[in-house]
């Protein structure tokens, strides 16, 4: 969970979030938030992680176990305390 592969490939793990059963909403959705300095840095990360041997092994293990049913990606930007885009 420390994000060694993510960090090595240029991302900054911000947190992993799992649903709480019994509090409404789906209980089969989890989120991993990863920070980047820019969209260009994110695109570089995507190339690097696709080529990373440890990442490829993790993906193969996930596909074998079927623990990931759907994977969606979104790029968000952070809003500072004064409301400006960071």
N, C-alpha and C. Protein backbone atom coordinates (compact mmCIF):
# COMPACT_ATOMS: atom_id res chain seq x y z
N UNK A 1 0.80 -1.21 0.00
CA UNK A 1 0.00 0.00 0.00
C UNK A 1 0.85 1.28 0.00
N UNK A 2 2.15 1.15 0.16
CA UNK A 2 3.00 2.34 0.15
C UNK A 2 3.14 2.92 -1.24
N UNK A 3 2.84 2.15 -2.27
CA UNK A 3 2.89 2.67 -3.62
C UNK A 3 4.27 2.70 -4.23
N UNK A 4 5.12 1.71 -3.91
CA UNK A 4 6.48 1.70 -4.46
C UNK A 4 6.48 1.78 -5.99
N UNK A 5 5.66 0.99 -6.64
CA UNK A 5 5.61 0.99 -8.10
C UNK A 5 5.08 2.34 -8.59
N UNK A 6 4.04 2.81 -7.97
CA UNK A 6 3.44 4.09 -8.36
C UNK A 6 4.47 5.21 -8.23
N UNK A 7 5.15 5.25 -7.09
CA UNK A 7 6.16 6.28 -6.85
C UNK A 7 7.32 6.17 -7.84
N UNK A 8 7.78 4.96 -8.05
CA UNK A 8 8.88 4.73 -8.99
C UNK A 8 8.53 5.20 -10.40
N UNK A 9 7.26 5.10 -10.75
CA UNK A 9 6.83 5.47 -12.10
C UNK A 9 6.39 6.93 -12.20
N UNK A 10 6.46 7.69 -11.09
CA UNK A 10 6.22 9.13 -11.15
C UNK A 10 4.95 9.63 -10.50
N UNK A 11 4.19 8.76 -9.84
CA UNK A 11 2.97 9.19 -9.17
C UNK A 11 3.18 9.36 -7.68
N UNK A 12 2.25 10.06 -7.04
CA UNK A 12 2.29 10.23 -5.58
C UNK A 12 0.99 9.66 -5.01
N UNK A 13 1.05 8.49 -4.34
CA UNK A 13 -0.17 7.93 -3.76
C UNK A 13 -0.78 8.88 -2.73
N UNK A 14 -2.06 9.20 -2.91
CA UNK A 14 -2.76 10.10 -2.00
C UNK A 14 -3.67 9.34 -1.05
N UNK A 15 -4.07 8.15 -1.43
CA UNK A 15 -4.90 7.35 -0.53
C UNK A 15 -5.68 6.28 -1.27
N UNK A 16 -6.06 5.27 -0.50
CA UNK A 16 -6.87 4.17 -0.99
C UNK A 16 -8.15 4.18 -0.18
N UNK A 17 -9.29 4.07 -0.84
CA UNK A 17 -10.58 4.20 -0.18
C UNK A 17 -11.46 3.00 -0.53
N UNK A 18 -11.99 2.36 0.51
CA UNK A 18 -12.86 1.19 0.35
C UNK A 18 -14.25 1.53 0.89
N UNK A 19 -15.29 0.91 0.34
CA UNK A 19 -16.64 1.20 0.82
C UNK A 19 -16.88 0.60 2.21
N UNK A 20 -17.76 1.22 2.95
CA UNK A 20 -18.16 0.72 4.26
C UNK A 20 -19.51 0.04 4.11
N UNK A 21 -19.54 -1.26 4.33
CA UNK A 21 -20.78 -2.01 4.19
C UNK A 21 -21.84 -1.50 5.17
N UNK A 22 -23.07 -1.47 4.67
CA UNK A 22 -24.19 -1.09 5.52
C UNK A 22 -24.45 0.40 5.60
N UNK A 23 -23.68 1.21 4.89
CA UNK A 23 -23.89 2.65 4.94
C UNK A 23 -24.44 3.20 3.63
N UNK A 24 -25.04 2.34 2.83
CA UNK A 24 -25.63 2.77 1.57
C UNK A 24 -24.62 2.78 0.44
N UNK A 25 -25.12 2.69 -0.76
CA UNK A 25 -24.27 2.71 -1.93
C UNK A 25 -23.66 1.35 -2.20
N UNK A 26 -23.01 1.22 -3.33
CA UNK A 26 -22.41 -0.06 -3.69
C UNK A 26 -21.23 -0.41 -2.78
N UNK A 27 -21.05 -1.70 -2.52
CA UNK A 27 -19.93 -2.12 -1.68
C UNK A 27 -18.86 -2.84 -2.50
N UNK A 28 -18.90 -2.64 -3.82
CA UNK A 28 -17.91 -3.28 -4.68
C UNK A 28 -17.09 -2.26 -5.47
N UNK A 29 -16.98 -1.05 -4.93
CA UNK A 29 -16.22 0.01 -5.58
C UNK A 29 -15.14 0.49 -4.62
N UNK A 30 -13.92 0.58 -5.11
CA UNK A 30 -12.81 1.12 -4.33
C UNK A 30 -12.13 2.20 -5.16
N UNK A 31 -11.48 3.13 -4.49
CA UNK A 31 -10.79 4.22 -5.18
C UNK A 31 -9.34 4.27 -4.75
N UNK A 32 -8.47 4.55 -5.69
CA UNK A 32 -7.07 4.84 -5.41
C UNK A 32 -6.80 6.21 -6.01
N UNK A 33 -6.40 7.17 -5.19
CA UNK A 33 -6.09 8.51 -5.68
C UNK A 33 -4.58 8.67 -5.77
N UNK A 34 -4.13 9.12 -6.93
CA UNK A 34 -2.71 9.30 -7.19
C UNK A 34 -2.52 10.73 -7.70
N UNK A 35 -1.57 11.44 -7.12
CA UNK A 35 -1.32 12.82 -7.50
C UNK A 35 -0.22 12.95 -8.54
N UNK A 36 -0.37 13.98 -9.39
CA UNK A 36 0.61 14.31 -10.43
C UNK A 36 0.72 15.82 -10.53
N UNK A 37 1.86 16.31 -10.96
CA UNK A 37 2.08 17.74 -11.10
C UNK A 37 1.31 18.34 -12.27
N UNK A 38 1.04 17.51 -13.29
CA UNK A 38 0.39 18.03 -14.50
C UNK A 38 -0.17 16.86 -15.30
N UNK A 39 -0.95 17.18 -16.30
CA UNK A 39 -1.46 16.15 -17.20
C UNK A 39 -0.30 15.49 -17.94
N UNK A 40 0.72 16.25 -18.31
CA UNK A 40 1.90 15.67 -18.97
C UNK A 40 2.60 14.67 -18.06
N UNK A 41 2.69 14.98 -16.76
CA UNK A 41 3.32 14.05 -15.82
C UNK A 41 2.48 12.77 -15.70
N UNK A 42 1.16 12.92 -15.73
CA UNK A 42 0.27 11.75 -15.70
C UNK A 42 0.49 10.89 -16.94
N UNK A 43 0.58 11.50 -18.10
CA UNK A 43 0.79 10.76 -19.34
C UNK A 43 2.13 10.03 -19.32
N UNK A 44 3.16 10.66 -18.78
CA UNK A 44 4.46 10.02 -18.63
C UNK A 44 4.36 8.82 -17.69
N UNK A 45 3.65 9.00 -16.58
CA UNK A 45 3.43 7.92 -15.61
C UNK A 45 2.76 6.73 -16.28
N UNK A 46 1.74 7.00 -17.08
CA UNK A 46 1.01 5.91 -17.75
C UNK A 46 1.95 5.10 -18.65
N UNK A 47 2.84 5.76 -19.35
CA UNK A 47 3.81 5.05 -20.19
C UNK A 47 4.79 4.23 -19.35
N UNK A 48 5.27 4.85 -18.28
CA UNK A 48 6.25 4.17 -17.42
C UNK A 48 5.64 2.98 -16.70
N UNK A 49 4.42 3.12 -16.19
CA UNK A 49 3.82 2.02 -15.44
C UNK A 49 3.45 0.86 -16.38
N UNK A 50 3.11 1.18 -17.63
CA UNK A 50 2.78 0.12 -18.59
C UNK A 50 4.00 -0.73 -18.92
N UNK A 51 5.19 -0.15 -18.81
CA UNK A 51 6.43 -0.86 -19.12
C UNK A 51 7.09 -1.50 -17.90
N UNK A 52 6.63 -1.16 -16.69
CA UNK A 52 7.24 -1.63 -15.45
C UNK A 52 6.97 -3.12 -15.22
N UNK A 53 8.00 -3.90 -14.98
CA UNK A 53 7.85 -5.35 -14.81
C UNK A 53 7.02 -5.71 -13.59
N UNK A 54 7.22 -5.01 -12.46
CA UNK A 54 6.42 -5.29 -11.26
C UNK A 54 4.95 -4.95 -11.49
N UNK A 55 4.71 -3.86 -12.21
CA UNK A 55 3.34 -3.47 -12.52
C UNK A 55 2.68 -4.52 -13.41
N UNK A 56 3.42 -5.02 -14.39
CA UNK A 56 2.88 -6.06 -15.27
C UNK A 56 2.52 -7.31 -14.48
N UNK A 57 3.37 -7.68 -13.49
CA UNK A 57 3.09 -8.84 -12.66
C UNK A 57 1.83 -8.61 -11.82
N UNK A 58 1.71 -7.42 -11.23
CA UNK A 58 0.52 -7.11 -10.44
C UNK A 58 -0.75 -7.20 -11.30
N UNK A 59 -0.67 -6.68 -12.50
CA UNK A 59 -1.83 -6.71 -13.39
C UNK A 59 -2.19 -8.15 -13.75
N UNK A 60 -1.18 -8.98 -14.04
CA UNK A 60 -1.44 -10.39 -14.35
C UNK A 60 -2.08 -11.10 -13.16
N UNK A 61 -1.59 -10.82 -11.95
CA UNK A 61 -2.18 -11.42 -10.74
C UNK A 61 -3.63 -10.97 -10.56
N UNK A 62 -3.90 -9.69 -10.81
CA UNK A 62 -5.27 -9.17 -10.68
C UNK A 62 -6.20 -9.80 -11.71
N UNK A 63 -5.71 -9.95 -12.92
CA UNK A 63 -6.53 -10.58 -13.96
C UNK A 63 -6.81 -12.04 -13.62
N UNK A 64 -5.81 -12.73 -13.08
CA UNK A 64 -5.98 -14.14 -12.71
C UNK A 64 -7.00 -14.29 -11.58
N UNK A 65 -6.92 -13.42 -10.58
CA UNK A 65 -7.82 -13.51 -9.43
C UNK A 65 -9.18 -12.88 -9.70
N UNK A 66 -9.27 -12.09 -10.75
CA UNK A 66 -10.50 -11.38 -11.12
C UNK A 66 -10.95 -10.41 -10.03
N UNK A 67 -9.99 -9.84 -9.31
CA UNK A 67 -10.34 -8.90 -8.24
C UNK A 67 -10.70 -7.52 -8.78
N UNK A 68 -10.35 -7.23 -10.03
CA UNK A 68 -10.74 -5.97 -10.66
C UNK A 68 -11.77 -6.31 -11.73
N UNK A 69 -13.01 -5.86 -11.52
CA UNK A 69 -14.07 -6.13 -12.47
C UNK A 69 -14.13 -5.06 -13.56
N UNK A 70 -13.95 -3.82 -13.15
CA UNK A 70 -13.96 -2.68 -14.06
C UNK A 70 -12.91 -1.70 -13.57
N UNK A 71 -12.20 -1.09 -14.49
CA UNK A 71 -11.22 -0.06 -14.12
C UNK A 71 -11.50 1.19 -14.92
N UNK A 72 -11.83 2.26 -14.23
CA UNK A 72 -12.07 3.55 -14.86
C UNK A 72 -11.01 4.53 -14.38
N UNK A 73 -10.65 5.47 -15.24
CA UNK A 73 -9.68 6.50 -14.86
C UNK A 73 -10.30 7.87 -15.13
N UNK A 74 -10.01 8.79 -14.24
CA UNK A 74 -10.41 10.18 -14.41
C UNK A 74 -9.25 11.05 -13.99
N UNK A 75 -9.09 12.18 -14.62
CA UNK A 75 -8.06 13.13 -14.24
C UNK A 75 -8.77 14.34 -13.61
N UNK A 76 -8.49 14.59 -12.34
CA UNK A 76 -9.06 15.71 -11.61
C UNK A 76 -7.98 16.73 -11.32
N UNK A 77 -8.37 17.94 -11.03
CA UNK A 77 -7.40 18.93 -10.58
C UNK A 77 -7.79 19.40 -9.19
N UNK A 78 -6.78 19.77 -8.42
CA UNK A 78 -6.98 20.20 -7.03
C UNK A 78 -7.36 21.68 -7.00
N UNK A 79 -8.27 22.01 -6.11
CA UNK A 79 -8.68 23.39 -5.87
C UNK A 79 -8.02 23.85 -4.57
N UNK A 80 -7.35 24.99 -4.62
CA UNK A 80 -6.71 25.51 -3.42
C UNK A 80 -7.76 26.10 -2.47
N UNK A 81 -7.32 26.49 -1.29
CA UNK A 81 -8.24 27.04 -0.30
C UNK A 81 -8.93 28.31 -0.80
N UNK A 82 -8.27 29.08 -1.66
CA UNK A 82 -8.90 30.31 -2.18
C UNK A 82 -9.71 30.05 -3.45
N UNK A 83 -9.85 28.78 -3.83
CA UNK A 83 -10.70 28.42 -4.96
C UNK A 83 -10.01 28.38 -6.30
N UNK A 84 -8.71 28.66 -6.31
CA UNK A 84 -7.97 28.65 -7.57
C UNK A 84 -7.52 27.23 -7.90
N UNK A 85 -7.38 26.95 -9.19
CA UNK A 85 -6.89 25.65 -9.64
C UNK A 85 -5.40 25.57 -9.35
N UNK A 86 -4.98 24.43 -8.77
CA UNK A 86 -3.54 24.24 -8.49
C UNK A 86 -2.90 23.47 -9.61
